Amino acid sequence: MAQRDDAAVAHVTADGRVTEAGTVEGVRHGGEGGLLGLAVDPDFPEQPYVYLHHTTDADNRVVRAEYDGASSASPR
């Protein structure tokens, strides 16, 4: 789950438990901007990646971060 305004990412389990997975740095919210989307790699967990679409001061971008089930690494 991605939070648009505070750039927080949460992991929601099948039984409904929610845990914090991290925060995406450099996200600028306002108007229609912010953390706009999140997709999990279709081969997860063999390919432990999540893809994040967000607004920065300069543009919109899609970044990839590794997620180990407990926390995420810095996006690239």
N, C-alpha and C. Protein backbone atom coordinates (compact mmCIF):
# COMPACT_ATOMS: atom_id res chain seq x y z
N MET A 1 0.86 -1.16 0.00
CA MET A 1 0.00 0.00 0.00
C MET A 1 0.90 1.23 0.00
N ALA A 2 0.60 2.19 -0.86
CA ALA A 2 1.38 3.43 -0.98
C ALA A 2 0.55 4.61 -0.51
N GLN A 3 1.16 5.45 0.31
CA GLN A 3 0.50 6.66 0.81
C GLN A 3 0.98 7.85 0.00
N ARG A 4 0.10 8.48 -0.74
CA ARG A 4 0.48 9.55 -1.67
C ARG A 4 1.17 10.72 -0.99
N ASP A 5 0.60 11.26 0.08
CA ASP A 5 1.11 12.50 0.66
C ASP A 5 2.34 12.36 1.54
N ASP A 6 2.48 11.26 2.26
CA ASP A 6 3.66 11.13 3.12
C ASP A 6 4.70 10.15 2.59
N ALA A 7 4.47 9.60 1.38
CA ALA A 7 5.42 8.71 0.69
C ALA A 7 5.73 7.45 1.47
N ALA A 8 4.85 7.06 2.36
CA ALA A 8 5.05 5.84 3.14
C ALA A 8 4.55 4.64 2.36
N VAL A 9 5.24 3.52 2.54
CA VAL A 9 4.84 2.26 1.91
C VAL A 9 4.58 1.26 3.03
N ALA A 10 3.46 0.56 2.95
CA ALA A 10 3.11 -0.42 3.98
C ALA A 10 2.91 -1.79 3.32
N HIS A 11 3.18 -2.82 4.08
CA HIS A 11 2.98 -4.21 3.65
C HIS A 11 1.68 -4.69 4.31
N VAL A 12 0.74 -5.12 3.49
CA VAL A 12 -0.53 -5.65 3.99
C VAL A 12 -0.53 -7.15 3.72
N THR A 13 -0.67 -7.94 4.78
CA THR A 13 -0.66 -9.39 4.64
C THR A 13 -2.04 -9.90 4.25
N ALA A 14 -2.10 -11.16 3.85
CA ALA A 14 -3.37 -11.78 3.45
C ALA A 14 -4.40 -11.75 4.57
N ASP A 15 -3.92 -11.78 5.84
CA ASP A 15 -4.86 -11.75 6.96
C ASP A 15 -5.16 -10.33 7.44
N GLY A 16 -4.68 -9.30 6.69
CA GLY A 16 -5.03 -7.92 6.99
C GLY A 16 -4.08 -7.17 7.90
N ARG A 17 -2.98 -7.81 8.33
CA ARG A 17 -2.01 -7.08 9.17
C ARG A 17 -1.25 -6.08 8.31
N VAL A 18 -1.01 -4.90 8.87
CA VAL A 18 -0.31 -3.83 8.16
C VAL A 18 0.97 -3.51 8.92
N THR A 19 2.11 -3.53 8.19
CA THR A 19 3.39 -3.15 8.79
C THR A 19 4.07 -2.15 7.86
N GLU A 20 4.84 -1.24 8.44
CA GLU A 20 5.55 -0.24 7.65
C GLU A 20 6.70 -0.91 6.89
N ALA A 21 6.82 -0.60 5.60
CA ALA A 21 7.89 -1.17 4.78
C ALA A 21 8.96 -0.12 4.46
N GLY A 22 8.66 1.14 4.61
CA GLY A 22 9.64 2.18 4.34
C GLY A 22 8.98 3.45 3.84
N THR A 23 9.82 4.42 3.51
CA THR A 23 9.38 5.70 2.97
C THR A 23 10.24 6.01 1.75
N VAL A 24 9.63 6.53 0.71
CA VAL A 24 10.35 6.87 -0.51
C VAL A 24 10.86 8.31 -0.38
N GLU A 25 12.18 8.48 -0.46
CA GLU A 25 12.80 9.80 -0.35
C GLU A 25 12.62 10.58 -1.64
N GLY A 26 12.52 11.90 -1.54
CA GLY A 26 12.46 12.77 -2.70
C GLY A 26 11.09 12.95 -3.31
N VAL A 27 10.06 12.39 -2.69
CA VAL A 27 8.70 12.54 -3.22
C VAL A 27 8.17 13.92 -2.86
N ARG A 28 7.60 14.60 -3.85
CA ARG A 28 6.99 15.91 -3.63
C ARG A 28 5.51 15.79 -3.89
N HIS A 29 4.71 16.03 -2.87
CA HIS A 29 3.26 15.93 -3.04
C HIS A 29 2.68 17.32 -3.18
N GLY A 30 1.49 17.36 -3.68
CA GLY A 30 0.79 18.63 -3.89
C GLY A 30 0.07 18.55 -5.21
N GLY A 31 -1.10 19.12 -5.28
CA GLY A 31 -1.88 19.02 -6.50
C GLY A 31 -2.14 17.56 -6.82
N GLU A 32 -1.69 17.13 -7.98
CA GLU A 32 -1.86 15.72 -8.36
C GLU A 32 -0.59 14.91 -8.16
N GLY A 33 0.41 15.46 -7.48
CA GLY A 33 1.68 14.78 -7.29
C GLY A 33 1.76 14.01 -6.00
N GLY A 34 2.82 13.23 -5.87
CA GLY A 34 3.08 12.46 -4.66
C GLY A 34 3.52 11.05 -5.03
N LEU A 35 3.36 10.13 -4.11
CA LEU A 35 3.62 8.72 -4.37
C LEU A 35 2.37 8.17 -5.04
N LEU A 36 2.46 7.92 -6.34
CA LEU A 36 1.27 7.69 -7.15
C LEU A 36 0.93 6.23 -7.41
N GLY A 37 1.88 5.35 -7.27
CA GLY A 37 1.57 3.95 -7.54
C GLY A 37 2.66 3.02 -7.07
N LEU A 38 2.30 1.75 -6.94
CA LEU A 38 3.21 0.72 -6.47
C LEU A 38 2.82 -0.59 -7.15
N ALA A 39 3.82 -1.32 -7.61
CA ALA A 39 3.58 -2.65 -8.20
C ALA A 39 4.65 -3.60 -7.69
N VAL A 40 4.25 -4.81 -7.39
CA VAL A 40 5.17 -5.85 -6.94
C VAL A 40 5.58 -6.68 -8.14
N ASP A 41 6.87 -7.02 -8.24
CA ASP A 41 7.36 -7.82 -9.35
C ASP A 41 6.55 -9.11 -9.44
N PRO A 42 6.15 -9.52 -10.65
CA PRO A 42 5.33 -10.73 -10.79
C PRO A 42 6.05 -12.00 -10.35
N ASP A 43 7.38 -11.97 -10.26
CA ASP A 43 8.14 -13.14 -9.81
C ASP A 43 8.58 -13.02 -8.35
N PHE A 44 7.92 -12.14 -7.59
CA PHE A 44 8.21 -12.00 -6.17
C PHE A 44 7.88 -13.30 -5.46
N PRO A 45 8.65 -13.83 -4.56
CA PRO A 45 9.83 -13.29 -3.92
C PRO A 45 11.16 -13.66 -4.60
N GLU A 46 11.14 -14.46 -5.68
CA GLU A 46 12.39 -14.78 -6.36
C GLU A 46 13.07 -13.52 -6.89
N GLN A 47 12.29 -12.58 -7.37
CA GLN A 47 12.76 -11.25 -7.78
C GLN A 47 12.18 -10.27 -6.77
N PRO A 48 12.90 -9.94 -5.71
CA PRO A 48 12.33 -9.19 -4.58
C PRO A 48 12.22 -7.69 -4.81
N TYR A 49 11.50 -7.30 -5.88
CA TYR A 49 11.43 -5.89 -6.24
C TYR A 49 10.01 -5.35 -6.17
N VAL A 50 9.94 -4.06 -5.80
CA VAL A 50 8.71 -3.30 -5.92
C VAL A 50 9.04 -2.09 -6.79
N TYR A 51 8.10 -1.67 -7.59
CA TYR A 51 8.26 -0.53 -8.50
C TYR A 51 7.33 0.57 -8.02
N LEU A 52 7.87 1.78 -7.92
CA LEU A 52 7.14 2.91 -7.35
C LEU A 52 7.10 4.06 -8.36
N HIS A 53 5.92 4.62 -8.57
CA HIS A 53 5.74 5.77 -9.45
C HIS A 53 5.51 6.98 -8.56
N HIS A 54 6.36 8.03 -8.75
CA HIS A 54 6.20 9.20 -7.89
C HIS A 54 6.65 10.48 -8.57
N THR A 55 6.25 11.60 -7.97
CA THR A 55 6.60 12.93 -8.42
C THR A 55 7.81 13.42 -7.63
N THR A 56 8.75 14.08 -8.32
CA THR A 56 9.88 14.74 -7.66
C THR A 56 9.77 16.24 -7.93
N ASP A 57 10.76 17.01 -7.48
CA ASP A 57 10.78 18.44 -7.80
C ASP A 57 10.90 18.69 -9.30
N ALA A 58 11.53 17.74 -10.02
CA ALA A 58 11.83 17.96 -11.44
C ALA A 58 10.93 17.21 -12.41
N ASP A 59 10.38 16.05 -11.99
CA ASP A 59 9.66 15.22 -12.96
C ASP A 59 8.86 14.13 -12.25
N ASN A 60 8.27 13.26 -13.05
CA ASN A 60 7.65 12.03 -12.54
C ASN A 60 8.59 10.90 -12.91
N ARG A 61 8.69 9.88 -12.04
CA ARG A 61 9.58 8.77 -12.36
C ARG A 61 9.08 7.47 -11.76
N VAL A 62 9.61 6.39 -12.31
CA VAL A 62 9.37 5.06 -11.77
C VAL A 62 10.71 4.56 -11.27
N VAL A 63 10.74 4.09 -10.02
CA VAL A 63 11.97 3.57 -9.43
C VAL A 63 11.72 2.15 -8.94
N ARG A 64 12.80 1.41 -8.76
CA ARG A 64 12.72 0.03 -8.28
C ARG A 64 13.44 -0.05 -6.94
N ALA A 65 12.84 -0.76 -5.99
CA ALA A 65 13.46 -0.99 -4.69
C ALA A 65 13.37 -2.47 -4.36
N GLU A 66 14.37 -2.97 -3.65
CA GLU A 66 14.30 -4.35 -3.16
C GLU A 66 13.50 -4.36 -1.88
N TYR A 67 12.73 -5.42 -1.70
CA TYR A 67 11.93 -5.59 -0.48
C TYR A 67 12.14 -7.01 0.03
N ASP A 68 12.63 -7.13 1.25
CA ASP A 68 12.96 -8.45 1.81
C ASP A 68 11.87 -9.02 2.70
N GLY A 69 10.70 -8.40 2.68
CA GLY A 69 9.60 -8.87 3.52
C GLY A 69 9.51 -8.14 4.84
N ALA A 70 10.55 -7.37 5.18
CA ALA A 70 10.53 -6.62 6.43
C ALA A 70 10.81 -5.14 6.19
N SER A 71 11.71 -4.83 5.27
CA SER A 71 12.03 -3.45 4.97
C SER A 71 12.49 -3.33 3.52
N SER A 72 12.51 -2.12 3.02
CA SER A 72 12.91 -1.91 1.64
C SER A 72 14.23 -1.18 1.57
N ALA A 73 14.99 -1.44 0.50
CA ALA A 73 16.24 -0.74 0.25
C ALA A 73 15.92 0.56 -0.48
N SER A 74 16.90 1.44 -0.55
CA SER A 74 16.72 2.71 -1.25
C SER A 74 16.38 2.46 -2.72
N PRO A 75 15.41 3.18 -3.25
CA PRO A 75 15.02 2.99 -4.66
C PRO A 75 16.12 3.43 -5.62
N ARG A 76 16.12 2.81 -6.79
CA ARG A 76 17.03 3.21 -7.89
C ARG A 76 16.19 3.66 -9.06
